[in-house]
Amino acid sequence: MSIAEMDHLVIVVEDIDAGIQVWRDRLGLTLSHRVDLDEAGIQQAFFSLDDGTFIELVASAQNRSPIAGILESYGEGLHVVALKVDDLDETVAALKNQNVKMIGVGTPQVFIHPESATGVMVQLWPKDRPHRWRTNPSEANE
């Protein structure tokens, strides 16, 4: 198992415009782009960092989106820490051997359940998988 480096952070916000104002105007980060995904009921804003990582803000565009439930249950804040792994299958197998609770195994979206990671949802992102939104912002949720 090899966790290589940080990939990105996902932060849930009540209001995407207010979130952008905080991260861009107060904290000085550069907004890379913003996406409204009506079919998923979410709004996203991306802030690329110099080291190749990024911060993603996510807000609910509809009261029925999964993000609305997260906001209702937990409020705003850090939602996911995404870590790059050298080999997803190998990492998942090693974590399962350690009795780590996993979500989404067998899909492109694999997570370590917060119960197994001190309350933090951890996404495992294959090191060689590109983020399609960097070249096609309409595919921001990839």
N, C-alpha and C. Protein backbone atom coordinates (compact mmCIF):
# COMPACT_ATOMS: atom_id res chain seq x y z
N MET A 1 0.86 -1.18 0.00
CA MET A 1 0.00 0.00 0.00
C MET A 1 0.89 1.23 0.00
N SER A 2 0.51 2.18 -0.84
CA SER A 2 1.33 3.39 -0.91
C SER A 2 0.45 4.62 -1.12
N ILE A 3 0.30 5.39 -0.06
CA ILE A 3 -0.33 6.70 -0.19
C ILE A 3 0.77 7.65 -0.59
N ALA A 4 0.63 8.25 -1.77
CA ALA A 4 1.71 9.02 -2.35
C ALA A 4 1.74 10.47 -1.91
N GLU A 5 0.60 11.12 -1.91
CA GLU A 5 0.56 12.55 -1.61
C GLU A 5 -0.89 13.02 -1.55
N MET A 6 -1.05 14.27 -1.18
CA MET A 6 -2.37 14.90 -1.15
C MET A 6 -2.84 15.15 -2.58
N ASP A 7 -4.13 15.00 -2.83
CA ASP A 7 -4.69 15.33 -4.13
C ASP A 7 -5.57 16.57 -4.03
N HIS A 8 -6.60 16.52 -3.17
CA HIS A 8 -7.45 17.68 -3.01
C HIS A 8 -8.28 17.59 -1.74
N LEU A 9 -8.88 18.71 -1.38
CA LEU A 9 -9.80 18.80 -0.25
C LEU A 9 -11.16 19.21 -0.77
N VAL A 10 -12.22 18.65 -0.20
CA VAL A 10 -13.58 19.05 -0.55
C VAL A 10 -14.19 19.67 0.70
N ILE A 11 -14.67 20.89 0.54
CA ILE A 11 -15.28 21.63 1.64
C ILE A 11 -16.73 21.92 1.27
N VAL A 12 -17.66 21.54 2.15
CA VAL A 12 -19.08 21.77 1.94
C VAL A 12 -19.42 23.16 2.49
N VAL A 13 -20.14 23.94 1.67
CA VAL A 13 -20.56 25.28 2.08
C VAL A 13 -22.06 25.44 1.86
N GLU A 14 -22.67 26.29 2.66
CA GLU A 14 -24.11 26.58 2.52
C GLU A 14 -24.40 27.32 1.22
N ASP A 15 -23.55 28.29 0.90
CA ASP A 15 -23.77 29.19 -0.24
C ASP A 15 -22.48 29.28 -1.04
N ILE A 16 -22.53 28.88 -2.30
CA ILE A 16 -21.31 28.84 -3.11
C ILE A 16 -20.70 30.23 -3.29
N ASP A 17 -21.52 31.25 -3.49
CA ASP A 17 -20.99 32.60 -3.68
C ASP A 17 -20.31 33.11 -2.42
N ALA A 18 -20.91 32.85 -1.26
CA ALA A 18 -20.29 33.26 0.00
C ALA A 18 -18.99 32.48 0.23
N GLY A 19 -18.98 31.20 -0.13
CA GLY A 19 -17.76 30.40 0.00
C GLY A 19 -16.65 30.92 -0.89
N ILE A 20 -17.00 31.26 -2.12
CA ILE A 20 -16.01 31.82 -3.05
C ILE A 20 -15.46 33.12 -2.48
N GLN A 21 -16.33 33.93 -1.94
CA GLN A 21 -15.89 35.21 -1.39
C GLN A 21 -14.86 34.99 -0.27
N VAL A 22 -15.11 34.01 0.58
CA VAL A 22 -14.15 33.74 1.66
C VAL A 22 -12.81 33.27 1.10
N TRP A 23 -12.84 32.24 0.27
CA TRP A 23 -11.60 31.62 -0.20
C TRP A 23 -10.84 32.48 -1.20
N ARG A 24 -11.55 33.23 -2.02
CA ARG A 24 -10.90 34.10 -3.01
C ARG A 24 -10.58 35.47 -2.40
N ASP A 25 -11.59 36.15 -1.88
CA ASP A 25 -11.42 37.55 -1.49
C ASP A 25 -10.75 37.72 -0.13
N ARG A 26 -11.04 36.86 0.82
CA ARG A 26 -10.42 36.99 2.14
C ARG A 26 -9.11 36.24 2.26
N LEU A 27 -9.09 35.01 1.71
CA LEU A 27 -7.90 34.18 1.87
C LEU A 27 -6.92 34.30 0.71
N GLY A 28 -7.34 34.94 -0.38
CA GLY A 28 -6.42 35.25 -1.48
C GLY A 28 -6.15 34.15 -2.48
N LEU A 29 -6.96 33.09 -2.49
CA LEU A 29 -6.75 32.04 -3.48
C LEU A 29 -7.38 32.45 -4.81
N THR A 30 -6.85 31.90 -5.88
CA THR A 30 -7.37 32.20 -7.21
C THR A 30 -8.43 31.17 -7.60
N LEU A 31 -9.61 31.67 -7.94
CA LEU A 31 -10.69 30.79 -8.40
C LEU A 31 -10.34 30.28 -9.78
N SER A 32 -10.20 28.97 -9.93
CA SER A 32 -9.89 28.38 -11.23
C SER A 32 -11.13 28.39 -12.11
N HIS A 33 -12.24 27.92 -11.56
CA HIS A 33 -13.50 27.95 -12.27
C HIS A 33 -14.62 27.49 -11.36
N ARG A 34 -15.82 27.70 -11.84
CA ARG A 34 -17.03 27.34 -11.10
C ARG A 34 -17.92 26.53 -12.03
N VAL A 35 -18.64 25.55 -11.47
CA VAL A 35 -19.51 24.69 -12.25
C VAL A 35 -20.83 24.50 -11.51
N ASP A 36 -21.92 24.60 -12.25
CA ASP A 36 -23.23 24.27 -11.71
C ASP A 36 -23.68 22.97 -12.38
N LEU A 37 -23.82 21.92 -11.60
CA LEU A 37 -24.23 20.63 -12.13
C LEU A 37 -25.69 20.40 -11.74
N ASP A 38 -26.58 20.87 -12.59
CA ASP A 38 -28.01 20.78 -12.30
C ASP A 38 -28.47 19.34 -12.09
N GLU A 39 -27.94 18.41 -12.91
CA GLU A 39 -28.37 17.01 -12.81
C GLU A 39 -27.98 16.39 -11.47
N ALA A 40 -26.92 16.88 -10.84
CA ALA A 40 -26.50 16.37 -9.53
C ALA A 40 -27.02 17.25 -8.39
N GLY A 41 -27.56 18.41 -8.74
CA GLY A 41 -28.09 19.31 -7.72
C GLY A 41 -27.02 19.99 -6.89
N ILE A 42 -25.84 20.18 -7.50
CA ILE A 42 -24.74 20.81 -6.76
C ILE A 42 -24.10 21.94 -7.55
N GLN A 43 -23.40 22.78 -6.81
CA GLN A 43 -22.56 23.83 -7.37
C GLN A 43 -21.16 23.60 -6.84
N GLN A 44 -20.15 23.82 -7.68
CA GLN A 44 -18.78 23.60 -7.29
C GLN A 44 -17.92 24.80 -7.68
N ALA A 45 -16.90 25.04 -6.87
CA ALA A 45 -15.89 26.05 -7.18
C ALA A 45 -14.53 25.42 -6.89
N PHE A 46 -13.58 25.65 -7.80
CA PHE A 46 -12.26 25.02 -7.70
C PHE A 46 -11.17 26.08 -7.57
N PHE A 47 -10.27 25.84 -6.63
CA PHE A 47 -9.12 26.72 -6.41
C PHE A 47 -7.86 25.88 -6.54
N SER A 48 -7.14 26.04 -7.65
CA SER A 48 -5.90 25.29 -7.86
C SER A 48 -4.77 25.91 -7.05
N LEU A 49 -3.94 25.06 -6.49
CA LEU A 49 -2.80 25.51 -5.70
C LEU A 49 -1.51 25.23 -6.47
N ASP A 50 -0.46 25.94 -6.10
CA ASP A 50 0.81 25.85 -6.83
C ASP A 50 1.42 24.44 -6.85
N ASP A 51 1.13 23.64 -5.83
CA ASP A 51 1.73 22.30 -5.76
C ASP A 51 0.96 21.25 -6.56
N GLY A 52 -0.08 21.69 -7.31
CA GLY A 52 -0.87 20.76 -8.12
C GLY A 52 -2.10 20.25 -7.41
N THR A 53 -2.23 20.51 -6.12
CA THR A 53 -3.44 20.13 -5.40
C THR A 53 -4.51 21.19 -5.63
N PHE A 54 -5.71 20.94 -5.11
CA PHE A 54 -6.75 21.95 -5.23
C PHE A 54 -7.73 21.83 -4.09
N ILE A 55 -8.47 22.90 -3.90
CA ILE A 55 -9.55 22.95 -2.93
C ILE A 55 -10.84 23.06 -3.73
N GLU A 56 -11.79 22.22 -3.40
CA GLU A 56 -13.09 22.21 -4.09
C GLU A 56 -14.17 22.59 -3.07
N LEU A 57 -14.92 23.62 -3.38
CA LEU A 57 -16.09 23.97 -2.58
C LEU A 57 -17.30 23.34 -3.23
N VAL A 58 -18.19 22.79 -2.42
CA VAL A 58 -19.42 22.18 -2.94
C VAL A 58 -20.60 22.71 -2.13
N ALA A 59 -21.64 23.15 -2.85
CA ALA A 59 -22.87 23.61 -2.22
C ALA A 59 -24.05 22.91 -2.87
N SER A 60 -25.12 22.81 -2.14
CA SER A 60 -26.33 22.22 -2.67
C SER A 60 -27.07 23.25 -3.51
N ALA A 61 -27.48 22.85 -4.71
CA ALA A 61 -28.28 23.73 -5.55
C ALA A 61 -29.76 23.41 -5.38
N GLN A 62 -30.03 22.29 -4.75
CA GLN A 62 -31.42 21.84 -4.51
C GLN A 62 -31.50 21.25 -3.11
N ASN A 63 -32.61 21.40 -2.48
CA ASN A 63 -32.76 20.88 -1.12
C ASN A 63 -32.69 19.36 -1.04
N ARG A 64 -32.85 18.67 -2.19
CA ARG A 64 -32.84 17.21 -2.18
C ARG A 64 -31.47 16.61 -2.51
N SER A 65 -30.48 17.42 -2.78
CA SER A 65 -29.18 16.86 -3.15
C SER A 65 -28.52 16.22 -1.93
N PRO A 66 -27.59 15.30 -2.15
CA PRO A 66 -26.88 14.69 -1.02
C PRO A 66 -26.16 15.74 -0.16
N ILE A 67 -25.71 16.81 -0.79
CA ILE A 67 -25.00 17.86 -0.04
C ILE A 67 -25.94 18.53 0.95
N ALA A 68 -27.22 18.68 0.60
CA ALA A 68 -28.19 19.27 1.52
C ALA A 68 -28.27 18.45 2.80
N GLY A 69 -28.28 17.15 2.67
CA GLY A 69 -28.32 16.28 3.84
C GLY A 69 -27.06 16.39 4.68
N ILE A 70 -25.92 16.50 4.04
CA ILE A 70 -24.65 16.66 4.76
C ILE A 70 -24.66 17.97 5.54
N LEU A 71 -25.10 19.03 4.87
CA LEU A 71 -25.17 20.33 5.55
C LEU A 71 -26.13 20.29 6.73
N GLU A 72 -27.26 19.64 6.56
CA GLU A 72 -28.24 19.54 7.64
C GLU A 72 -27.69 18.76 8.83
N SER A 73 -26.96 17.69 8.54
CA SER A 73 -26.44 16.83 9.61
C SER A 73 -25.17 17.37 10.27
N TYR A 74 -24.28 17.96 9.45
CA TYR A 74 -22.97 18.31 9.97
C TYR A 74 -22.60 19.79 9.84
N GLY A 75 -23.32 20.52 9.01
CA GLY A 75 -22.99 21.92 8.78
C GLY A 75 -21.84 22.07 7.80
N GLU A 76 -21.39 23.29 7.65
CA GLU A 76 -20.28 23.58 6.72
C GLU A 76 -18.97 23.03 7.27
N GLY A 77 -18.04 22.77 6.34
CA GLY A 77 -16.71 22.36 6.76
C GLY A 77 -16.10 21.32 5.86
N LEU A 78 -14.99 20.80 6.32
CA LEU A 78 -14.25 19.80 5.56
C LEU A 78 -15.11 18.56 5.39
N HIS A 79 -15.22 18.11 4.15
CA HIS A 79 -16.04 16.93 3.85
C HIS A 79 -15.17 15.74 3.45
N VAL A 80 -14.16 15.97 2.60
CA VAL A 80 -13.32 14.88 2.09
C VAL A 80 -11.87 15.35 2.00
N VAL A 81 -10.97 14.45 2.41
CA VAL A 81 -9.54 14.60 2.14
C VAL A 81 -9.22 13.54 1.10
N ALA A 82 -8.77 13.97 -0.07
CA ALA A 82 -8.44 13.02 -1.14
C ALA A 82 -6.93 12.83 -1.21
N LEU A 83 -6.53 11.58 -1.13
CA LEU A 83 -5.10 11.24 -1.16
C LEU A 83 -4.80 10.41 -2.40
N LYS A 84 -3.69 10.73 -3.03
CA LYS A 84 -3.26 9.95 -4.20
C LYS A 84 -2.62 8.65 -3.74
N VAL A 85 -2.94 7.59 -4.46
CA VAL A 85 -2.35 6.28 -4.19
C VAL A 85 -1.70 5.76 -5.46
N ASP A 86 -0.63 5.03 -5.29
CA ASP A 86 0.07 4.47 -6.45
C ASP A 86 -0.76 3.41 -7.15
N ASP A 87 -1.42 2.56 -6.40
CA ASP A 87 -2.22 1.47 -6.97
C ASP A 87 -3.49 1.34 -6.13
N LEU A 88 -4.63 1.68 -6.71
CA LEU A 88 -5.89 1.68 -5.97
C LEU A 88 -6.25 0.29 -5.46
N ASP A 89 -6.20 -0.71 -6.32
CA ASP A 89 -6.59 -2.06 -5.92
C ASP A 89 -5.70 -2.59 -4.79
N GLU A 90 -4.40 -2.36 -4.92
CA GLU A 90 -3.46 -2.81 -3.89
C GLU A 90 -3.72 -2.10 -2.56
N THR A 91 -3.98 -0.81 -2.63
CA THR A 91 -4.24 -0.03 -1.42
C THR A 91 -5.53 -0.49 -0.76
N VAL A 92 -6.58 -0.71 -1.55
CA VAL A 92 -7.85 -1.19 -0.99
C VAL A 92 -7.66 -2.54 -0.32
N ALA A 93 -6.95 -3.44 -0.97
CA ALA A 93 -6.71 -4.78 -0.39
C ALA A 93 -5.95 -4.66 0.93
N ALA A 94 -4.93 -3.84 0.97
CA ALA A 94 -4.14 -3.67 2.19
C ALA A 94 -4.99 -3.06 3.32
N LEU A 95 -5.82 -2.10 2.97
CA LEU A 95 -6.69 -1.48 3.98
C LEU A 95 -7.72 -2.47 4.50
N LYS A 96 -8.29 -3.26 3.61
CA LYS A 96 -9.26 -4.28 4.03
C LYS A 96 -8.61 -5.28 4.99
N ASN A 97 -7.34 -5.63 4.72
CA ASN A 97 -6.61 -6.54 5.61
C ASN A 97 -6.43 -5.93 7.00
N GLN A 98 -6.49 -4.63 7.08
CA GLN A 98 -6.38 -3.92 8.36
C GLN A 98 -7.77 -3.64 8.96
N ASN A 99 -8.79 -4.23 8.37
CA ASN A 99 -10.19 -4.05 8.82
C ASN A 99 -10.65 -2.60 8.73
N VAL A 100 -10.16 -1.89 7.72
CA VAL A 100 -10.58 -0.52 7.48
C VAL A 100 -11.91 -0.56 6.73
N LYS A 101 -12.89 0.17 7.22
CA LYS A 101 -14.21 0.21 6.58
C LYS A 101 -14.13 1.08 5.33
N MET A 102 -14.60 0.53 4.20
CA MET A 102 -14.49 1.20 2.91
C MET A 102 -15.87 1.47 2.33
N ILE A 103 -15.94 2.49 1.46
CA ILE A 103 -17.15 2.85 0.74
C ILE A 103 -16.80 2.90 -0.74
N GLY A 104 -17.64 2.34 -1.60
CA GLY A 104 -17.47 2.46 -3.04
C GLY A 104 -16.43 1.55 -3.67
N VAL A 105 -16.01 0.52 -2.97
CA VAL A 105 -15.02 -0.40 -3.53
C VAL A 105 -15.61 -1.02 -4.80
N GLY A 106 -14.81 -1.06 -5.85
CA GLY A 106 -15.26 -1.58 -7.13
C GLY A 106 -15.79 -0.50 -8.05
N THR A 107 -15.84 0.73 -7.57
CA THR A 107 -16.26 1.87 -8.39
C THR A 107 -15.08 2.84 -8.50
N PRO A 108 -15.19 3.84 -9.36
CA PRO A 108 -14.11 4.83 -9.44
C PRO A 108 -14.00 5.72 -8.20
N GLN A 109 -15.04 5.75 -7.38
CA GLN A 109 -15.07 6.63 -6.20
C GLN A 109 -14.92 5.77 -4.94
N VAL A 110 -13.70 5.57 -4.48
CA VAL A 110 -13.42 4.73 -3.32
C VAL A 110 -13.02 5.62 -2.14
N PHE A 111 -13.66 5.36 -0.99
CA PHE A 111 -13.42 6.15 0.20
C PHE A 111 -13.13 5.26 1.39
N ILE A 112 -12.35 5.80 2.32
CA ILE A 112 -12.22 5.21 3.65
C ILE A 112 -13.33 5.84 4.48
N HIS A 113 -14.13 5.01 5.11
CA HIS A 113 -15.25 5.50 5.92
C HIS A 113 -14.70 6.33 7.09
N PRO A 114 -15.38 7.41 7.46
CA PRO A 114 -14.92 8.22 8.59
C PRO A 114 -14.71 7.44 9.88
N GLU A 115 -15.47 6.37 10.08
CA GLU A 115 -15.30 5.55 11.28
C GLU A 115 -13.90 4.94 11.37
N SER A 116 -13.25 4.77 10.22
CA SER A 116 -11.92 4.16 10.19
C SER A 116 -10.80 5.18 10.04
N ALA A 117 -11.15 6.47 10.02
CA ALA A 117 -10.12 7.50 9.78
C ALA A 117 -10.35 8.71 10.69
N THR A 118 -10.50 8.44 11.97
CA THR A 118 -10.67 9.49 12.99
C THR A 118 -11.68 10.56 12.60
N GLY A 119 -12.80 10.11 12.02
CA GLY A 119 -13.89 11.01 11.70
C GLY A 119 -13.79 11.73 10.37
N VAL A 120 -12.80 11.41 9.57
CA VAL A 120 -12.59 12.09 8.28
C VAL A 120 -12.90 11.13 7.14
N MET A 121 -13.67 11.61 6.16
CA MET A 121 -13.91 10.84 4.94
C MET A 121 -12.66 11.01 4.07
N VAL A 122 -12.04 9.91 3.69
CA VAL A 122 -10.82 9.95 2.89
C VAL A 122 -11.09 9.29 1.55
N GLN A 123 -10.87 10.03 0.47
CA GLN A 123 -11.00 9.46 -0.87
C GLN A 123 -9.63 8.97 -1.32
N LEU A 124 -9.63 7.83 -1.96
CA LEU A 124 -8.39 7.29 -2.54
C LEU A 124 -8.42 7.59 -4.03
N TRP A 125 -7.46 8.38 -4.47
CA TRP A 125 -7.43 8.84 -5.86
C TRP A 125 -6.20 8.24 -6.54
N PRO A 126 -6.38 7.41 -7.57
CA PRO A 126 -5.22 6.83 -8.26
C PRO A 126 -4.30 7.93 -8.81
N LYS A 127 -3.04 7.80 -8.52
CA LYS A 127 -2.04 8.81 -8.90
C LYS A 127 -2.03 9.08 -10.40
N ASP A 128 -2.31 8.06 -11.20
CA ASP A 128 -2.26 8.24 -12.65
C ASP A 128 -3.60 8.64 -13.26
N ARG A 129 -4.65 8.86 -12.44
CA ARG A 129 -5.95 9.27 -12.97
C ARG A 129 -6.01 10.80 -13.04
N PRO A 130 -6.22 11.33 -14.24
CA PRO A 130 -6.32 12.80 -14.36
C PRO A 130 -7.68 13.29 -13.85
N HIS A 131 -7.73 14.54 -13.53
CA HIS A 131 -9.01 15.19 -13.21
C HIS A 131 -9.52 15.81 -14.49
N ARG A 132 -10.59 15.25 -15.04
CA ARG A 132 -11.10 15.74 -16.33
C ARG A 132 -11.53 17.20 -16.28
N TRP A 133 -11.93 17.70 -15.11
CA TRP A 133 -12.37 19.09 -15.02
C TRP A 133 -11.25 20.07 -15.35
N ARG A 134 -10.00 19.63 -15.23
CA ARG A 134 -8.90 20.56 -15.53
C ARG A 134 -8.88 20.92 -17.01
N THR A 135 -9.35 20.01 -17.87
CA THR A 135 -9.42 20.32 -19.30
C THR A 135 -10.84 20.51 -19.79
N ASN A 136 -11.81 20.00 -19.02
CA ASN A 136 -13.21 20.13 -19.40
C ASN A 136 -14.03 20.45 -18.15
N PRO A 137 -14.18 21.74 -17.82
CA PRO A 137 -14.88 22.12 -16.60
C PRO A 137 -16.30 21.60 -16.47
N SER A 138 -16.94 21.22 -17.54
CA SER A 138 -18.30 20.67 -17.43
C SER A 138 -18.29 19.30 -16.78
N GLU A 139 -17.12 18.69 -16.65
CA GLU A 139 -17.01 17.37 -16.01
C GLU A 139 -16.38 17.51 -14.63
N ALA A 140 -16.76 18.53 -13.90
CA ALA A 140 -16.13 18.87 -12.63
C ALA A 140 -16.26 17.79 -11.58
N ASN A 141 -17.26 16.96 -11.62
CA ASN A 141 -17.41 15.97 -10.57
C ASN A 141 -16.60 14.71 -10.82
N GLU A 142 -15.74 14.70 -11.77
CA GLU A 142 -14.91 13.53 -12.07
C GLU A 142 -13.60 13.60 -11.33
